[in-house]
Amino acid sequence: MNILITAGPTREYLDPVRFLSNRSTGKMGFAVAQAAVERGHPVTLVAGPVSLPTPPGVTRVDVVSAREMLAAIERCLPQCDALVMSAAVADWRPAQEAGAKLKKRAMSPLLQLVPNPDILQTLAPLKGRRVFVGFAAETGDPIEEAQRKLIDKGLDLIVANDVTVPGAGFAVDTNAVTLISAAPLGQVGSPKQPSLPPQVLPLQSKLDVGRVIVQWIEARCASLKG
């Protein structure tokens, strides 16, 4: 089973010095990649700008912006059976990127932004019988927003977590997540509602969380082929 995984943030540059980004370090996505290799799966990892070493056996593709990440995924997806979209992609980018550093005295106090492409929604027509996994990192109870994303983006599974919980946020080696999955094809259930009960995982290493996710993907892929 070929697995395509994204990890880390994207950077959306205002000029060669300044950019919009977020606090993602890529640790969760890299852990999923390591877990998948442990299970014997070929893995391609599309990584935003992070300082993590590539897990042994993983093919890594480095990108910077959201549009670069989308282009890399579109190149790699045809050869893959599953996509794990754990990257924290910037929703917006500056409307214009200056070629030289903008001087403070010449800058406007208002920054004009334009939306980045929604990667999962853009890829939805290419999904076919592939398994798509998304992530929902929220502040507070993430379940309602995760269920919305599961439906709106046509995902098979979404991994939700509250980043304000100690040990479950950014730049740490542990996580506490809830897995919310859609009904497998052929089962009775509304296509507009997730029909399987959430699976709450206790605080544990991100690698162990990655192992649970990979085993879930294996089971779903097997059910699709069966």
C-alpha atoms as a PDB file:
ATOM      1  CA  MET A   1       0.000   0.000   0.000  1.00  0.00           C
ATOM      2  CA  ASN A   2       1.555   3.300  -1.115  1.00  0.00           C
ATOM      3  CA  ILE A   3       0.878   6.106   1.361  1.00  0.00           C
ATOM      4  CA  LEU A   4       1.259   9.830   0.676  1.00  0.00           C
ATOM      5  CA  ILE A   5       1.646  11.980   3.799  1.00  0.00           C
ATOM      6  CA  THR A   6       1.923  15.733   4.279  1.00  0.00           C
ATOM      7  CA  ALA A   7       3.465  17.378   7.317  1.00  0.00           C
ATOM      8  CA  GLY A   8       4.490  20.703   8.785  1.00  0.00           C
ATOM      9  CA  PRO A   9       3.366  24.243   8.035  1.00  0.00           C
ATOM     10  CA  THR A  10       3.414  26.239   4.848  1.00  0.00           C
ATOM     11  CA  ARG A  11       4.964  29.691   4.541  1.00  0.00           C
ATOM     12  CA  GLU A  12       3.290  32.425   2.542  1.00  0.00           C
ATOM     13  CA  TYR A  13       5.804  35.179   1.851  1.00  0.00           C
ATOM     14  CA  LEU A  14       5.118  38.909   1.967  1.00  0.00           C
ATOM     15  CA  ASP A  15       8.701  39.672   0.954  1.00  0.00           C
ATOM     16  CA  PRO A  16      12.005  37.752   1.134  1.00  0.00           C
ATOM     17  CA  VAL A  17      12.116  38.295   4.915  1.00  0.00           C
ATOM     18  CA  ARG A  18       8.527  38.141   6.195  1.00  0.00           C
ATOM     19  CA  PHE A  19       5.904  35.428   5.863  1.00  0.00           C
ATOM     20  CA  LEU A  20       2.593  34.134   7.244  1.00  0.00           C
ATOM     21  CA  SER A  21       2.715  30.696   8.831  1.00  0.00           C
ATOM     22  CA  ASN A  22       1.673  28.718  11.918  1.00  0.00           C
ATOM     23  CA  ARG A  23       3.162  26.761  14.821  1.00  0.00           C
ATOM     24  CA  SER A  24       3.211  23.318  13.217  1.00  0.00           C
ATOM     25  CA  THR A  25       6.551  21.511  13.569  1.00  0.00           C
ATOM     26  CA  GLY A  26       5.627  18.485  11.443  1.00  0.00           C
ATOM     27  CA  LYS A  27       6.144  15.980  14.276  1.00  0.00           C
ATOM     28  CA  MET A  28       2.743  14.312  13.881  1.00  0.00           C
ATOM     29  CA  GLY A  29       3.072  13.805  10.135  1.00  0.00           C
ATOM     30  CA  PHE A  30       6.636  12.536  10.429  1.00  0.00           C
ATOM     31  CA  ALA A  31       5.456  10.089  13.110  1.00  0.00           C
ATOM     32  CA  VAL A  32       2.759   8.755  10.778  1.00  0.00           C
ATOM     33  CA  ALA A  33       5.392   8.352   8.064  1.00  0.00           C
ATOM     34  CA  GLN A  34       7.659   6.393  10.415  1.00  0.00           C
ATOM     35  CA  ALA A  35       4.750   4.215  11.540  1.00  0.00           C
ATOM     36  CA  ALA A  36       3.826   3.430   7.933  1.00  0.00           C
ATOM     37  CA  VAL A  37       7.384   2.427   7.044  1.00  0.00           C
ATOM     38  CA  GLU A  38       7.472   0.178  10.113  1.00  0.00           C
ATOM     39  CA  ARG A  39       4.479  -1.641   8.656  1.00  0.00           C
ATOM     40  CA  GLY A  40       6.270  -2.141   5.352  1.00  0.00           C
ATOM     41  CA  HIS A  41       4.467   0.485   3.265  1.00  0.00           C
ATOM     42  CA  PRO A  42       6.195   2.696   0.679  1.00  0.00           C
ATOM     43  CA  VAL A  43       5.831   6.281   1.895  1.00  0.00           C
ATOM     44  CA  THR A  44       6.147   9.651   0.193  1.00  0.00           C
ATOM     45  CA  LEU A  45       6.315  12.562   2.632  1.00  0.00           C
ATOM     46  CA  VAL A  46       5.553  16.074   1.372  1.00  0.00           C
ATOM     47  CA  ALA A  47       7.042  18.337   4.034  1.00  0.00           C
ATOM     48  CA  GLY A  48       6.702  22.034   4.620  1.00  0.00           C
ATOM     49  CA  PRO A  49       9.633  23.964   6.123  1.00  0.00           C
ATOM     50  CA  VAL A  50      10.576  21.940   9.220  1.00  0.00           C
ATOM     51  CA  SER A  51      13.835  20.951  10.893  1.00  0.00           C
ATOM     52  CA  LEU A  52      13.127  17.239  11.329  1.00  0.00           C
ATOM     53  CA  PRO A  53      15.270  14.429   9.882  1.00  0.00           C
ATOM     54  CA  THR A  54      13.644  12.214   7.264  1.00  0.00           C
ATOM     55  CA  PRO A  55      12.546   8.856   8.716  1.00  0.00           C
ATOM     56  CA  PRO A  56      14.610   6.007   7.199  1.00  0.00           C
ATOM     57  CA  GLY A  57      12.966   4.503   4.138  1.00  0.00           C
ATOM     58  CA  VAL A  58      10.777   7.538   3.419  1.00  0.00           C
ATOM     59  CA  THR A  59      10.854   9.458   0.133  1.00  0.00           C
ATOM     60  CA  ARG A  60      10.732  13.147   1.036  1.00  0.00           C
ATOM     61  CA  VAL A  61       9.560  16.071  -1.076  1.00  0.00           C
ATOM     62  CA  ASP A  62      10.220  19.524   0.412  1.00  0.00           C
ATOM     63  CA  VAL A  63       7.881  22.424  -0.328  1.00  0.00           C
ATOM     64  CA  VAL A  64       7.304  25.893   1.114  1.00  0.00           C
ATOM     65  CA  SER A  65       3.949  27.350   0.119  1.00  0.00           C
ATOM     66  CA  ALA A  66       0.432  25.928   0.016  1.00  0.00           C
ATOM     67  CA  ARG A  67       0.397  26.039  -3.773  1.00  0.00           C
ATOM     68  CA  GLU A  68       3.703  24.166  -3.916  1.00  0.00           C
ATOM     69  CA  MET A  69       2.296  21.541  -1.559  1.00  0.00           C
ATOM     70  CA  LEU A  70      -0.808  21.104  -3.714  1.00  0.00           C
ATOM     71  CA  ALA A  71       1.308  20.706  -6.857  1.00  0.00           C
ATOM     72  CA  ALA A  72       3.516  18.082  -5.170  1.00  0.00           C
ATOM     73  CA  ILE A  73       0.494  16.106  -3.986  1.00  0.00           C
ATOM     74  CA  GLU A  74      -1.080  16.201  -7.449  1.00  0.00           C
ATOM     75  CA  ARG A  75       2.152  14.738  -8.898  1.00  0.00           C
ATOM     76  CA  CYS A  76       2.384  11.965  -6.318  1.00  0.00           C
ATOM     77  CA  LEU A  77      -1.272  11.032  -5.753  1.00  0.00           C
ATOM     78  CA  PRO A  78      -1.824   8.850  -8.865  1.00  0.00           C
ATOM     79  CA  GLN A  79       0.655   6.266  -7.527  1.00  0.00           C
ATOM     80  CA  CYS A  80      -0.800   6.236  -4.001  1.00  0.00           C
ATOM     81  CA  ASP A  81      -3.541   4.281  -2.253  1.00  0.00           C
ATOM     82  CA  ALA A  82      -3.970   6.644   0.699  1.00  0.00           C
ATOM     83  CA  LEU A  83      -3.429  10.323   1.500  1.00  0.00           C
ATOM     84  CA  VAL A  84      -2.793  11.490   5.069  1.00  0.00           C
ATOM     85  CA  MET A  85      -3.121  15.270   5.133  1.00  0.00           C
ATOM     86  CA  SER A  86      -1.532  16.196   8.452  1.00  0.00           C
ATOM     87  CA  ALA A  87       0.106  19.411   7.233  1.00  0.00           C
ATOM     88  CA  ALA A  88      -1.135  22.696   8.680  1.00  0.00           C
ATOM     89  CA  VAL A  89      -1.679  24.610   5.458  1.00  0.00           C
ATOM     90  CA  ALA A  90      -2.022  28.382   5.628  1.00  0.00           C
ATOM     91  CA  ASP A  91      -5.540  29.414   4.649  1.00  0.00           C
ATOM     92  CA  TRP A  92      -4.426  32.809   3.299  1.00  0.00           C
ATOM     93  CA  ARG A  93      -1.447  34.381   1.560  1.00  0.00           C
ATOM     94  CA  PRO A  94      -0.466  37.981   0.821  1.00  0.00           C
ATOM     95  CA  ALA A  95      -2.063  39.264  -2.350  1.00  0.00           C
ATOM     96  CA  GLN A  96       1.367  40.374  -3.565  1.00  0.00           C
ATOM     97  CA  GLU A  97       4.858  39.102  -2.781  1.00  0.00           C
ATOM     98  CA  ALA A  98       7.509  41.792  -2.983  1.00  0.00           C
ATOM     99  CA  GLY A  99      10.827  40.922  -4.572  1.00  0.00           C
ATOM    100  CA  ALA A 100      12.789  42.998  -2.048  1.00  0.00           C
ATOM    101  CA  LYS A 101      12.344  43.650   1.654  1.00  0.00           C
ATOM    102  CA  LEU A 102       9.553  46.143   2.261  1.00  0.00           C
ATOM    103  CA  LYS A 103      10.636  49.129   4.335  1.00  0.00           C
ATOM    104  CA  LYS A 104       8.543  49.813   7.405  1.00  0.00           C
ATOM    105  CA  ARG A 105       8.071  53.474   6.510  1.00  0.00           C
ATOM    106  CA  ALA A 106       6.659  52.513   3.112  1.00  0.00           C
ATOM    107  CA  MET A 107       4.383  49.675   4.246  1.00  0.00           C
ATOM    108  CA  SER A 108       0.636  49.949   4.635  1.00  0.00           C
ATOM    109  CA  PRO A 109      -0.722  49.037   8.094  1.00  0.00           C
ATOM    110  CA  LEU A 110      -3.314  46.889   6.287  1.00  0.00           C
ATOM    111  CA  LEU A 111      -2.268  43.593   4.753  1.00  0.00           C
ATOM    112  CA  GLN A 112      -4.305  42.444   1.762  1.00  0.00           C
ATOM    113  CA  LEU A 113      -4.777  38.675   1.696  1.00  0.00           C
ATOM    114  CA  VAL A 114      -6.168  36.191  -0.818  1.00  0.00           C
ATOM    115  CA  PRO A 115      -7.306  32.620  -0.063  1.00  0.00           C
ATOM    116  CA  ASN A 116      -5.080  29.654  -0.683  1.00  0.00           C
ATOM    117  CA  PRO A 117      -6.602  26.617  -2.409  1.00  0.00           C
ATOM    118  CA  ASP A 118      -8.286  24.133  -0.083  1.00  0.00           C
ATOM    119  CA  ILE A 119      -6.086  21.152  -0.876  1.00  0.00           C
ATOM    120  CA  LEU A 120      -8.461  18.371   0.155  1.00  0.00           C
ATOM    121  CA  GLN A 121     -11.440  19.907  -1.626  1.00  0.00           C
ATOM    122  CA  THR A 122      -9.296  20.458  -4.727  1.00  0.00           C
ATOM    123  CA  LEU A 123      -8.245  16.790  -4.691  1.00  0.00           C
ATOM    124  CA  ALA A 124     -11.746  15.415  -4.039  1.00  0.00           C
ATOM    125  CA  PRO A 125     -12.449  14.656  -7.739  1.00  0.00           C
ATOM    126  CA  LEU A 126      -9.272  12.519  -7.815  1.00  0.00           C
ATOM    127  CA  LYS A 127     -10.120  10.477  -4.717  1.00  0.00           C
ATOM    128  CA  GLY A 128     -11.732   7.466  -6.337  1.00  0.00           C
ATOM    129  CA  ARG A 129     -11.263   4.475  -4.031  1.00  0.00           C
ATOM    130  CA  ARG A 130      -8.292   6.013  -2.255  1.00  0.00           C
ATOM    131  CA  VAL A 131      -8.450   6.551   1.491  1.00  0.00           C
ATOM    132  CA  PHE A 132      -8.277  10.210   2.525  1.00  0.00           C
ATOM    133  CA  VAL A 133      -7.370  11.162   6.101  1.00  0.00           C
ATOM    134  CA  GLY A 134      -7.509  14.715   7.429  1.00  0.00           C
ATOM    135  CA  PHE A 135      -6.621  16.461  10.681  1.00  0.00           C
ATOM    136  CA  ALA A 136      -8.481  19.032  12.773  1.00  0.00           C
ATOM    137  CA  ALA A 137      -6.323  20.867  15.307  1.00  0.00           C
ATOM    138  CA  GLU A 138      -8.625  23.111  17.320  1.00  0.00           C
ATOM    139  CA  THR A 139      -8.699  25.116  20.547  1.00  0.00           C
ATOM    140  CA  GLY A 140     -11.430  23.675  22.747  1.00  0.00           C
ATOM    141  CA  ASP A 141     -13.668  20.713  21.917  1.00  0.00           C
ATOM    142  CA  PRO A 142     -12.718  19.768  18.332  1.00  0.00           C
ATOM    143  CA  ILE A 143     -15.464  17.235  17.639  1.00  0.00           C
ATOM    144  CA  GLU A 144     -18.104  19.432  15.996  1.00  0.00           C
ATOM    145  CA  GLU A 145     -15.624  21.125  13.675  1.00  0.00           C
ATOM    146  CA  ALA A 146     -13.956  17.807  12.874  1.00  0.00           C
ATOM    147  CA  GLN A 147     -17.297  16.260  11.902  1.00  0.00           C
ATOM    148  CA  ARG A 148     -18.000  19.228   9.638  1.00  0.00           C
ATOM    149  CA  LYS A 149     -14.639  18.818   7.913  1.00  0.00           C
ATOM    150  CA  LEU A 150     -15.143  15.070   7.553  1.00  0.00           C
ATOM    151  CA  ILE A 151     -18.366  15.711   5.634  1.00  0.00           C
ATOM    152  CA  ASP A 152     -17.387  18.827   3.677  1.00  0.00           C
ATOM    153  CA  LYS A 153     -14.088  17.411   2.468  1.00  0.00           C
ATOM    154  CA  GLY A 154     -15.343  13.883   1.756  1.00  0.00           C
ATOM    155  CA  LEU A 155     -12.856  12.213   4.096  1.00  0.00           C
ATOM    156  CA  ASP A 156     -12.751   8.639   5.305  1.00  0.00           C
ATOM    157  CA  LEU A 157     -11.172   9.595   8.630  1.00  0.00           C
ATOM    158  CA  ILE A 158     -10.371  12.774  10.517  1.00  0.00           C
ATOM    159  CA  VAL A 159      -7.998  13.032  13.465  1.00  0.00           C
ATOM    160  CA  ALA A 160      -9.127  15.712  15.920  1.00  0.00           C
ATOM    161  CA  ASN A 161      -7.293  17.221  18.840  1.00  0.00           C
ATOM    162  CA  ASP A 162      -7.441  20.199  21.202  1.00  0.00           C
ATOM    163  CA  VAL A 163      -4.038  21.883  20.982  1.00  0.00           C
ATOM    164  CA  THR A 164      -4.567  23.605  24.352  1.00  0.00           C
ATOM    165  CA  VAL A 165      -4.427  20.263  26.206  1.00  0.00           C
ATOM    166  CA  PRO A 166      -1.009  19.868  27.893  1.00  0.00           C
ATOM    167  CA  GLY A 167       1.128  17.468  25.890  1.00  0.00           C
ATOM    168  CA  ALA A 168      -1.204  17.460  22.901  1.00  0.00           C
ATOM    169  CA  GLY A 169      -0.267  20.644  21.074  1.00  0.00           C
ATOM    170  CA  PHE A 170       2.611  21.839  18.946  1.00  0.00           C
ATOM    171  CA  ALA A 171       6.313  21.024  19.295  1.00  0.00           C
ATOM    172  CA  VAL A 172       5.786  18.079  21.666  1.00  0.00           C
ATOM    173  CA  ASP A 173       6.294  14.345  21.144  1.00  0.00           C
ATOM    174  CA  THR A 174       2.883  13.280  22.495  1.00  0.00           C
ATOM    175  CA  ASN A 175      -0.704  13.756  21.417  1.00  0.00           C
ATOM    176  CA  ALA A 176      -4.251  12.996  22.564  1.00  0.00           C
ATOM    177  CA  VAL A 177      -6.632  12.654  19.631  1.00  0.00           C
ATOM    178  CA  THR A 178     -10.091  11.488  18.652  1.00  0.00           C
ATOM    179  CA  LEU A 179     -10.587   9.501  15.453  1.00  0.00           C
ATOM    180  CA  ILE A 180     -13.855  10.164  13.633  1.00  0.00           C
ATOM    181  CA  SER A 181     -14.570   7.981  10.631  1.00  0.00           C
ATOM    182  CA  ALA A 182     -17.157   7.871   7.896  1.00  0.00           C
ATOM    183  CA  ALA A 183     -19.081   4.697   7.186  1.00  0.00           C
ATOM    184  CA  PRO A 184     -17.288   2.339   4.775  1.00  0.00           C
ATOM    185  CA  LEU A 185     -18.713   2.009   1.291  1.00  0.00           C
ATOM    186  CA  GLY A 186     -21.636  -0.378   1.151  1.00  0.00           C
ATOM    187  CA  GLN A 187     -22.745   0.168   4.736  1.00  0.00           C
ATOM    188  CA  VAL A 188     -26.068   1.729   5.596  1.00  0.00           C
ATOM    189  CA  GLY A 189     -25.795   5.305   6.771  1.00  0.00           C
ATOM    190  CA  SER A 190     -26.494   8.850   5.690  1.00  0.00           C
ATOM    191  CA  PRO A 191     -23.845  10.153   3.289  1.00  0.00           C
ATOM    192  CA  LYS A 192     -24.171  13.518   5.040  1.00  0.00           C
ATOM    193  CA  GLN A 193     -23.307  12.290   8.547  1.00  0.00           C
ATOM    194  CA  PRO A 194     -20.416  10.314  10.005  1.00  0.00           C
ATOM    195  CA  SER A 195     -22.071   7.096  11.191  1.00  0.00           C
ATOM    196  CA  LEU A 196     -19.335   5.456  13.266  1.00  0.00           C
ATOM    197  CA  PRO A 197     -18.739   6.388  16.924  1.00  0.00           C
ATOM    198  CA  PRO A 198     -15.617   8.439  17.665  1.00  0.00           C
ATOM    199  CA  GLN A 199     -12.569   6.584  18.950  1.00  0.00           C
ATOM    200  CA  VAL A 200     -10.878   8.523  21.759  1.00  0.00           C
ATOM    201  CA  LEU A 201      -7.165   7.824  22.184  1.00  0.00           C
ATOM    202  CA  PRO A 202      -5.419   8.685  25.448  1.00  0.00           C
ATOM    203  CA  LEU A 203      -2.303  10.826  25.659  1.00  0.00           C
ATOM    204  CA  GLN A 204       0.552   8.845  24.097  1.00  0.00           C
ATOM    205  CA  SER A 205       3.517   9.308  21.831  1.00  0.00           C
ATOM    206  CA  LYS A 206       2.845  10.706  18.386  1.00  0.00           C
ATOM    207  CA  LEU A 207       4.491   7.602  16.976  1.00  0.00           C
ATOM    208  CA  ASP A 208       1.931   5.411  18.750  1.00  0.00           C
ATOM    209  CA  VAL A 209      -0.861   7.656  17.455  1.00  0.00           C
ATOM    210  CA  GLY A 210       0.637   7.247  13.982  1.00  0.00           C
ATOM    211  CA  ARG A 211       0.589   3.476  14.380  1.00  0.00           C
ATOM    212  CA  VAL A 212      -3.119   3.534  15.193  1.00  0.00           C
ATOM    213  CA  ILE A 213      -3.811   5.723  12.153  1.00  0.00           C
ATOM    214  CA  VAL A 214      -1.822   3.467   9.825  1.00  0.00           C
ATOM    215  CA  GLN A 215      -3.592   0.343  11.062  1.00  0.00           C
ATOM    216  CA  TRP A 216      -6.932   2.103  10.542  1.00  0.00           C
ATOM    217  CA  ILE A 217      -5.918   2.907   6.960  1.00  0.00           C
ATOM    218  CA  GLU A 218      -4.888  -0.698   6.364  1.00  0.00           C
ATOM    219  CA  ALA A 219      -8.273  -1.950   7.547  1.00  0.00           C
ATOM    220  CA  ARG A 220     -10.182   0.581   5.428  1.00  0.00           C
ATOM    221  CA  CYS A 221      -8.138  -0.173   2.301  1.00  0.00           C
ATOM    222  CA  ALA A 222      -8.724  -3.887   2.829  1.00  0.00           C
ATOM    223  CA  SER A 223     -12.481  -3.313   3.108  1.00  0.00           C
ATOM    224  CA  LEU A 224     -12.495  -1.274  -0.104  1.00  0.00           C
ATOM    225  CA  LYS A 225     -10.656  -3.996  -1.992  1.00  0.00           C
ATOM    226  CA  GLY A 226     -12.873  -6.690  -0.541  1.00  0.00           C
END
